[in-house]
Amino acid sequence: MMNLVISGHIAATWYMVGLIWFVQLVHYPMMDRAADFIEYERVHCQKTTWAVGPAMLIEIATLVVWGILQPELLVDPLYIGLASLLGIIWVSTACLQVPAHHRLSQGYNAATHRWLVNSNWIRTFAWSLRGVGVLFLTPSS
């Protein structure tokens, strides 16, 4: 069971690391080129939910289960740091990126688009740090 939890966590985290870098460097910067922006944004939000939702849920669920199965991790600074980074990602998503997408769903706005791209660096760096960190968080931690 522990191997499945750890493997699932590492896989979900690294999936999100790759996806967030693609979003940060390619997808978000190119949004301003969409001809029918409102439709583009609507479809983007709908399809992105399916691309990120399951991985984000697996990532947080496996982190919690890992802590339950290996309770000594709950005081491990690395585990606490990785959990904190995941918290930052979720708060950033809910408080910064989702509201920006909501504003953009009303129509393209250069300032909001710039805010979305710039604020997304929070998640990009946090997931990148998590990606490296989970490789050092092992059952023997």
N, C-alpha and C. Protein backbone atom coordinates (compact mmCIF):
# COMPACT_ATOMS: atom_id res chain seq x y z
N MET A 1 0.83 -1.21 0.00
CA MET A 1 0.00 0.00 0.00
C MET A 1 0.87 1.26 0.00
N MET A 2 1.91 1.27 0.83
CA MET A 2 2.78 2.44 0.93
C MET A 2 3.43 2.76 -0.41
N ASN A 3 3.89 1.73 -1.13
CA ASN A 3 4.52 1.96 -2.43
C ASN A 3 3.55 2.59 -3.42
N LEU A 4 2.29 2.16 -3.39
CA LEU A 4 1.27 2.73 -4.28
C LEU A 4 1.03 4.20 -3.94
N VAL A 5 0.95 4.52 -2.67
CA VAL A 5 0.74 5.90 -2.23
C VAL A 5 1.91 6.78 -2.66
N ILE A 6 3.11 6.33 -2.39
CA ILE A 6 4.30 7.11 -2.72
C ILE A 6 4.43 7.28 -4.23
N SER A 7 4.25 6.19 -4.97
CA SER A 7 4.35 6.26 -6.43
C SER A 7 3.28 7.17 -7.01
N GLY A 8 2.07 7.07 -6.48
CA GLY A 8 0.99 7.95 -6.94
C GLY A 8 1.27 9.40 -6.65
N HIS A 9 1.84 9.66 -5.49
CA HIS A 9 2.16 11.04 -5.12
C HIS A 9 3.25 11.62 -6.03
N ILE A 10 4.30 10.87 -6.20
CA ILE A 10 5.39 11.33 -7.06
C ILE A 10 4.90 11.53 -8.49
N ALA A 11 4.12 10.59 -9.00
CA ALA A 11 3.61 10.69 -10.37
C ALA A 11 2.71 11.91 -10.53
N ALA A 12 1.79 12.13 -9.59
CA ALA A 12 0.88 13.28 -9.68
C ALA A 12 1.66 14.59 -9.59
N THR A 13 2.63 14.64 -8.68
CA THR A 13 3.43 15.86 -8.53
C THR A 13 4.21 16.16 -9.80
N TRP A 14 4.88 15.17 -10.35
CA TRP A 14 5.69 15.41 -11.55
C TRP A 14 4.84 15.65 -12.78
N TYR A 15 3.66 15.06 -12.85
CA TYR A 15 2.72 15.40 -13.92
C TYR A 15 2.40 16.89 -13.85
N MET A 16 2.12 17.38 -12.64
CA MET A 16 1.78 18.80 -12.47
C MET A 16 2.98 19.70 -12.71
N VAL A 17 4.18 19.26 -12.36
CA VAL A 17 5.38 20.05 -12.65
C VAL A 17 5.49 20.27 -14.16
N GLY A 18 5.37 19.20 -14.92
CA GLY A 18 5.46 19.33 -16.38
C GLY A 18 4.34 20.18 -16.94
N LEU A 19 3.13 19.96 -16.46
CA LEU A 19 1.99 20.71 -16.97
C LEU A 19 2.10 22.20 -16.63
N ILE A 20 2.51 22.53 -15.42
CA ILE A 20 2.56 23.94 -15.03
C ILE A 20 3.62 24.69 -15.83
N TRP A 21 4.74 24.04 -16.14
CA TRP A 21 5.76 24.70 -16.96
C TRP A 21 5.25 24.93 -18.38
N PHE A 22 4.50 23.98 -18.93
CA PHE A 22 3.90 24.18 -20.25
C PHE A 22 2.92 25.35 -20.21
N VAL A 23 2.07 25.36 -19.19
CA VAL A 23 1.09 26.44 -19.05
C VAL A 23 1.80 27.79 -18.92
N GLN A 24 2.83 27.82 -18.08
CA GLN A 24 3.54 29.08 -17.81
C GLN A 24 4.29 29.62 -19.02
N LEU A 25 4.95 28.74 -19.75
CA LEU A 25 5.80 29.20 -20.86
C LEU A 25 5.10 29.26 -22.21
N VAL A 26 4.05 28.44 -22.39
CA VAL A 26 3.42 28.36 -23.71
C VAL A 26 1.95 28.79 -23.66
N HIS A 27 1.18 28.09 -22.88
CA HIS A 27 -0.28 28.25 -22.94
C HIS A 27 -0.76 29.63 -22.49
N TYR A 28 -0.44 30.04 -21.28
CA TYR A 28 -0.92 31.34 -20.80
C TYR A 28 -0.40 32.51 -21.65
N PRO A 29 0.89 32.55 -21.99
CA PRO A 29 1.36 33.68 -22.80
C PRO A 29 0.67 33.79 -24.17
N MET A 30 0.19 32.69 -24.72
CA MET A 30 -0.43 32.72 -26.05
C MET A 30 -1.94 32.99 -26.00
N MET A 31 -2.51 33.11 -24.83
CA MET A 31 -3.96 33.32 -24.73
C MET A 31 -4.42 34.56 -25.47
N ASP A 32 -3.60 35.58 -25.50
CA ASP A 32 -4.01 36.84 -26.13
C ASP A 32 -4.13 36.73 -27.66
N ARG A 33 -3.75 35.61 -28.21
CA ARG A 33 -3.83 35.41 -29.66
C ARG A 33 -5.13 34.74 -30.11
N ALA A 34 -5.99 34.39 -29.16
CA ALA A 34 -7.23 33.71 -29.50
C ALA A 34 -8.18 34.66 -30.22
N ALA A 35 -8.72 34.21 -31.34
CA ALA A 35 -9.62 35.05 -32.15
C ALA A 35 -10.94 35.30 -31.42
N ASP A 36 -11.57 34.26 -30.92
CA ASP A 36 -12.82 34.39 -30.16
C ASP A 36 -12.47 34.13 -28.70
N PHE A 37 -11.98 35.17 -28.03
CA PHE A 37 -11.38 34.99 -26.72
C PHE A 37 -12.36 34.43 -25.69
N ILE A 38 -13.57 34.93 -25.66
CA ILE A 38 -14.53 34.47 -24.65
C ILE A 38 -14.79 32.97 -24.81
N GLU A 39 -14.97 32.51 -26.03
CA GLU A 39 -15.17 31.08 -26.26
C GLU A 39 -13.91 30.29 -25.92
N TYR A 40 -12.76 30.84 -26.29
CA TYR A 40 -11.49 30.19 -25.97
C TYR A 40 -11.35 30.02 -24.46
N GLU A 41 -11.62 31.07 -23.71
CA GLU A 41 -11.49 31.03 -22.25
C GLU A 41 -12.48 30.03 -21.65
N ARG A 42 -13.70 30.00 -22.17
CA ARG A 42 -14.70 29.05 -21.67
C ARG A 42 -14.23 27.61 -21.87
N VAL A 43 -13.77 27.31 -23.05
CA VAL A 43 -13.30 25.95 -23.35
C VAL A 43 -12.03 25.64 -22.57
N HIS A 44 -11.15 26.64 -22.46
CA HIS A 44 -9.91 26.44 -21.68
C HIS A 44 -10.26 26.02 -20.25
N CYS A 45 -11.14 26.75 -19.60
CA CYS A 45 -11.48 26.45 -18.20
C CYS A 45 -12.13 25.07 -18.09
N GLN A 46 -13.01 24.74 -19.01
CA GLN A 46 -13.68 23.45 -18.99
C GLN A 46 -12.68 22.30 -19.16
N LYS A 47 -11.84 22.39 -20.15
CA LYS A 47 -10.90 21.29 -20.44
C LYS A 47 -9.75 21.23 -19.43
N THR A 48 -9.33 22.38 -18.93
CA THR A 48 -8.24 22.40 -17.96
C THR A 48 -8.65 21.70 -16.67
N THR A 49 -9.91 21.84 -16.29
CA THR A 49 -10.40 21.15 -15.09
C THR A 49 -10.14 19.65 -15.19
N TRP A 50 -10.36 19.07 -16.36
CA TRP A 50 -10.14 17.64 -16.55
C TRP A 50 -8.66 17.30 -16.60
N ALA A 51 -7.83 18.24 -17.04
CA ALA A 51 -6.39 17.97 -17.14
C ALA A 51 -5.69 18.09 -15.78
N VAL A 52 -6.17 19.02 -14.93
CA VAL A 52 -5.47 19.24 -13.66
C VAL A 52 -6.21 18.71 -12.44
N GLY A 53 -7.53 18.68 -12.48
CA GLY A 53 -8.31 18.29 -11.31
C GLY A 53 -7.95 16.94 -10.72
N PRO A 54 -7.98 15.88 -11.52
CA PRO A 54 -7.64 14.56 -10.95
C PRO A 54 -6.23 14.51 -10.37
N ALA A 55 -5.25 15.08 -11.08
CA ALA A 55 -3.87 15.04 -10.58
C ALA A 55 -3.72 15.83 -9.28
N MET A 56 -4.37 17.00 -9.21
CA MET A 56 -4.28 17.78 -7.98
C MET A 56 -4.94 17.05 -6.81
N LEU A 57 -6.05 16.39 -7.06
CA LEU A 57 -6.73 15.64 -6.00
C LEU A 57 -5.91 14.42 -5.58
N ILE A 58 -5.31 13.73 -6.54
CA ILE A 58 -4.44 12.59 -6.21
C ILE A 58 -3.25 13.07 -5.41
N GLU A 59 -2.68 14.20 -5.81
CA GLU A 59 -1.50 14.73 -5.12
C GLU A 59 -1.80 15.04 -3.66
N ILE A 60 -2.89 15.72 -3.40
CA ILE A 60 -3.20 16.08 -2.01
C ILE A 60 -3.66 14.86 -1.21
N ALA A 61 -4.45 13.98 -1.84
CA ALA A 61 -4.92 12.78 -1.13
C ALA A 61 -3.76 11.87 -0.75
N THR A 62 -2.82 11.67 -1.68
CA THR A 62 -1.70 10.78 -1.36
C THR A 62 -0.76 11.40 -0.34
N LEU A 63 -0.65 12.71 -0.32
CA LEU A 63 0.17 13.35 0.71
C LEU A 63 -0.44 13.12 2.10
N VAL A 64 -1.75 13.27 2.18
CA VAL A 64 -2.45 13.04 3.46
C VAL A 64 -2.33 11.57 3.88
N VAL A 65 -2.60 10.66 2.96
CA VAL A 65 -2.53 9.23 3.28
C VAL A 65 -1.11 8.85 3.67
N TRP A 66 -0.13 9.39 2.98
CA TRP A 66 1.28 9.12 3.31
C TRP A 66 1.55 9.52 4.76
N GLY A 67 1.06 10.68 5.14
CA GLY A 67 1.23 11.13 6.52
C GLY A 67 0.50 10.25 7.53
N ILE A 68 -0.66 9.74 7.14
CA ILE A 68 -1.41 8.84 8.03
C ILE A 68 -0.68 7.51 8.19
N LEU A 69 -0.19 6.97 7.08
CA LEU A 69 0.49 5.67 7.12
C LEU A 69 1.88 5.75 7.74
N GLN A 70 2.47 6.93 7.67
CA GLN A 70 3.81 7.12 8.23
C GLN A 70 3.78 8.38 9.12
N PRO A 71 3.14 8.30 10.29
CA PRO A 71 2.88 9.49 11.11
C PRO A 71 4.12 10.24 11.57
N GLU A 72 5.27 9.58 11.58
CA GLU A 72 6.50 10.31 11.95
C GLU A 72 6.81 11.42 10.95
N LEU A 73 6.26 11.32 9.75
CA LEU A 73 6.47 12.38 8.74
C LEU A 73 5.80 13.69 9.15
N LEU A 74 4.78 13.61 10.00
CA LEU A 74 4.03 14.80 10.37
C LEU A 74 4.88 15.83 11.12
N VAL A 75 6.06 15.42 11.59
CA VAL A 75 6.98 16.36 12.22
C VAL A 75 8.27 16.52 11.40
N ASP A 76 8.33 15.88 10.26
CA ASP A 76 9.50 15.98 9.37
C ASP A 76 9.45 17.32 8.65
N PRO A 77 10.51 18.14 8.77
CA PRO A 77 10.50 19.46 8.12
C PRO A 77 10.28 19.39 6.60
N LEU A 78 10.79 18.36 5.95
CA LEU A 78 10.60 18.23 4.51
C LEU A 78 9.12 17.98 4.19
N TYR A 79 8.50 17.07 4.91
CA TYR A 79 7.08 16.78 4.70
C TYR A 79 6.25 18.04 4.96
N ILE A 80 6.54 18.73 6.04
CA ILE A 80 5.81 19.95 6.38
C ILE A 80 6.01 21.00 5.28
N GLY A 81 7.24 21.12 4.79
CA GLY A 81 7.52 22.07 3.72
C GLY A 81 6.77 21.72 2.44
N LEU A 82 6.76 20.44 2.09
CA LEU A 82 6.06 20.01 0.88
C LEU A 82 4.55 20.20 1.02
N ALA A 83 4.03 19.93 2.20
CA ALA A 83 2.60 20.16 2.45
C ALA A 83 2.29 21.65 2.37
N SER A 84 3.18 22.47 2.91
CA SER A 84 2.98 23.93 2.86
C SER A 84 2.99 24.43 1.43
N LEU A 85 3.91 23.91 0.62
CA LEU A 85 3.94 24.30 -0.80
C LEU A 85 2.65 23.91 -1.50
N LEU A 86 2.12 22.75 -1.16
CA LEU A 86 0.85 22.33 -1.76
C LEU A 86 -0.28 23.27 -1.32
N GLY A 87 -0.23 23.70 -0.07
CA GLY A 87 -1.20 24.68 0.41
C GLY A 87 -1.09 25.99 -0.35
N ILE A 88 0.12 26.45 -0.59
CA ILE A 88 0.35 27.68 -1.36
C ILE A 88 -0.23 27.53 -2.76
N ILE A 89 -0.01 26.38 -3.38
CA ILE A 89 -0.53 26.12 -4.73
C ILE A 89 -2.05 26.20 -4.74
N TRP A 90 -2.69 25.54 -3.79
CA TRP A 90 -4.16 25.54 -3.75
C TRP A 90 -4.71 26.93 -3.46
N VAL A 91 -4.09 27.66 -2.54
CA VAL A 91 -4.55 29.02 -2.23
C VAL A 91 -4.33 29.94 -3.42
N SER A 92 -3.17 29.83 -4.06
CA SER A 92 -2.90 30.64 -5.25
C SER A 92 -3.92 30.34 -6.33
N THR A 93 -4.20 29.08 -6.55
CA THR A 93 -5.19 28.70 -7.58
C THR A 93 -6.54 29.31 -7.27
N ALA A 94 -7.00 29.14 -6.03
CA ALA A 94 -8.34 29.61 -5.65
C ALA A 94 -8.44 31.13 -5.57
N CYS A 95 -7.39 31.78 -5.08
CA CYS A 95 -7.47 33.22 -4.82
C CYS A 95 -6.89 34.10 -5.91
N LEU A 96 -6.04 33.55 -6.77
CA LEU A 96 -5.40 34.37 -7.80
C LEU A 96 -5.77 33.94 -9.22
N GLN A 97 -5.50 32.67 -9.56
CA GLN A 97 -5.71 32.24 -10.94
C GLN A 97 -7.19 32.07 -11.29
N VAL A 98 -7.98 31.44 -10.42
CA VAL A 98 -9.40 31.25 -10.73
C VAL A 98 -10.11 32.60 -10.88
N PRO A 99 -9.91 33.56 -9.98
CA PRO A 99 -10.56 34.86 -10.20
C PRO A 99 -10.10 35.55 -11.49
N ALA A 100 -8.82 35.40 -11.84
CA ALA A 100 -8.34 35.99 -13.09
C ALA A 100 -9.05 35.35 -14.28
N HIS A 101 -9.19 34.04 -14.25
CA HIS A 101 -9.91 33.36 -15.33
C HIS A 101 -11.37 33.80 -15.38
N HIS A 102 -11.96 34.01 -14.21
CA HIS A 102 -13.35 34.47 -14.17
C HIS A 102 -13.46 35.85 -14.83
N ARG A 103 -12.53 36.74 -14.52
CA ARG A 103 -12.54 38.06 -15.16
C ARG A 103 -12.32 37.94 -16.67
N LEU A 104 -11.41 37.08 -17.07
CA LEU A 104 -11.13 36.90 -18.50
C LEU A 104 -12.31 36.26 -19.23
N SER A 105 -13.14 35.52 -18.52
CA SER A 105 -14.31 34.91 -19.17
C SER A 105 -15.31 35.96 -19.63
N GLN A 106 -15.17 37.19 -19.10
CA GLN A 106 -16.04 38.30 -19.52
C GLN A 106 -15.50 38.98 -20.78
N GLY A 107 -14.24 38.71 -21.10
CA GLY A 107 -13.61 39.29 -22.28
C GLY A 107 -12.14 39.54 -22.00
N TYR A 108 -11.37 39.60 -23.06
CA TYR A 108 -9.92 39.78 -22.91
C TYR A 108 -9.61 41.15 -22.30
N ASN A 109 -8.69 41.13 -21.35
CA ASN A 109 -8.19 42.35 -20.72
C ASN A 109 -6.69 42.16 -20.54
N ALA A 110 -5.89 43.04 -21.13
CA ALA A 110 -4.43 42.88 -21.12
C ALA A 110 -3.87 42.86 -19.70
N ALA A 111 -4.39 43.71 -18.82
CA ALA A 111 -3.87 43.77 -17.45
C ALA A 111 -4.19 42.47 -16.70
N THR A 112 -5.39 41.96 -16.88
CA THR A 112 -5.77 40.70 -16.22
C THR A 112 -4.96 39.54 -16.77
N HIS A 113 -4.75 39.53 -18.08
CA HIS A 113 -3.94 38.49 -18.70
C HIS A 113 -2.52 38.53 -18.14
N ARG A 114 -1.94 39.71 -18.06
CA ARG A 114 -0.59 39.88 -17.52
C ARG A 114 -0.55 39.41 -16.06
N TRP A 115 -1.58 39.76 -15.27
CA TRP A 115 -1.69 39.32 -13.87
C TRP A 115 -1.72 37.79 -13.79
N LEU A 116 -2.50 37.16 -14.67
CA LEU A 116 -2.59 35.70 -14.68
C LEU A 116 -1.22 35.08 -14.95
N VAL A 117 -0.54 35.56 -15.97
CA VAL A 117 0.78 35.01 -16.32
C VAL A 117 1.76 35.23 -15.17
N ASN A 118 1.80 36.44 -14.63
CA ASN A 118 2.77 36.74 -13.56
C ASN A 118 2.45 36.03 -12.26
N SER A 119 1.18 35.98 -11.88
CA SER A 119 0.83 35.33 -10.61
C SER A 119 1.00 33.81 -10.70
N ASN A 120 0.95 33.26 -11.91
CA ASN A 120 1.11 31.82 -12.07
C ASN A 120 2.53 31.36 -11.74
N TRP A 121 3.50 32.30 -11.71
CA TRP A 121 4.86 31.91 -11.31
C TRP A 121 4.87 31.34 -9.89
N ILE A 122 3.93 31.76 -9.05
CA ILE A 122 3.84 31.21 -7.69
C ILE A 122 3.66 29.70 -7.76
N ARG A 123 2.70 29.27 -8.57
CA ARG A 123 2.44 27.83 -8.68
C ARG A 123 3.59 27.12 -9.41
N THR A 124 4.14 27.78 -10.41
CA THR A 124 5.23 27.16 -11.17
C THR A 124 6.42 26.87 -10.27
N PHE A 125 6.82 27.85 -9.47
CA PHE A 125 7.95 27.64 -8.56
C PHE A 125 7.61 26.65 -7.45
N ALA A 126 6.39 26.76 -6.90
CA ALA A 126 6.00 25.86 -5.81
C ALA A 126 5.96 24.41 -6.29
N TRP A 127 5.38 24.16 -7.47
CA TRP A 127 5.35 22.79 -7.96
C TRP A 127 6.75 22.28 -8.32
N SER A 128 7.58 23.16 -8.82
CA SER A 128 8.95 22.76 -9.15
C SER A 128 9.71 22.35 -7.88
N LEU A 129 9.56 23.14 -6.82
CA LEU A 129 10.19 22.78 -5.54
C LEU A 129 9.62 21.47 -5.00
N ARG A 130 8.31 21.30 -5.13
CA ARG A 130 7.70 20.04 -4.68
C ARG A 130 8.25 18.86 -5.47
N GLY A 131 8.41 19.05 -6.79
CA GLY A 131 8.92 17.96 -7.62
C GLY A 131 10.27 17.47 -7.15
N VAL A 132 11.14 18.40 -6.82
CA VAL A 132 12.46 18.02 -6.31
C VAL A 132 12.33 17.43 -4.91
N GLY A 133 11.54 18.07 -4.07
CA GLY A 133 11.41 17.64 -2.69
C GLY A 133 10.85 16.24 -2.51
N VAL A 134 9.84 15.87 -3.32
CA VAL A 134 9.24 14.54 -3.14
C VAL A 134 10.22 13.43 -3.43
N LEU A 135 11.25 13.72 -4.20
CA LEU A 135 12.26 12.70 -4.49
C LEU A 135 13.13 12.40 -3.27
N PHE A 136 13.14 13.33 -2.32
CA PHE A 136 13.94 13.15 -1.11
C PHE A 136 13.11 12.68 0.08
N LEU A 137 11.80 12.72 -0.07
CA LEU A 137 10.91 12.27 1.01
C LEU A 137 10.63 10.78 0.77
N THR A 138 11.29 9.96 1.52
CA THR A 138 11.18 8.52 1.32
C THR A 138 10.59 7.86 2.56
N PRO A 139 10.19 6.62 2.45
CA PRO A 139 9.64 5.93 3.62
C PRO A 139 10.59 5.89 4.80
N SER A 140 11.87 6.04 4.58
CA SER A 140 12.82 6.00 5.69
C SER A 140 13.09 7.37 6.27
N SER A 141 12.37 8.42 5.79
CA SER A 141 12.59 9.78 6.30
C SER A 141 12.28 9.87 7.78
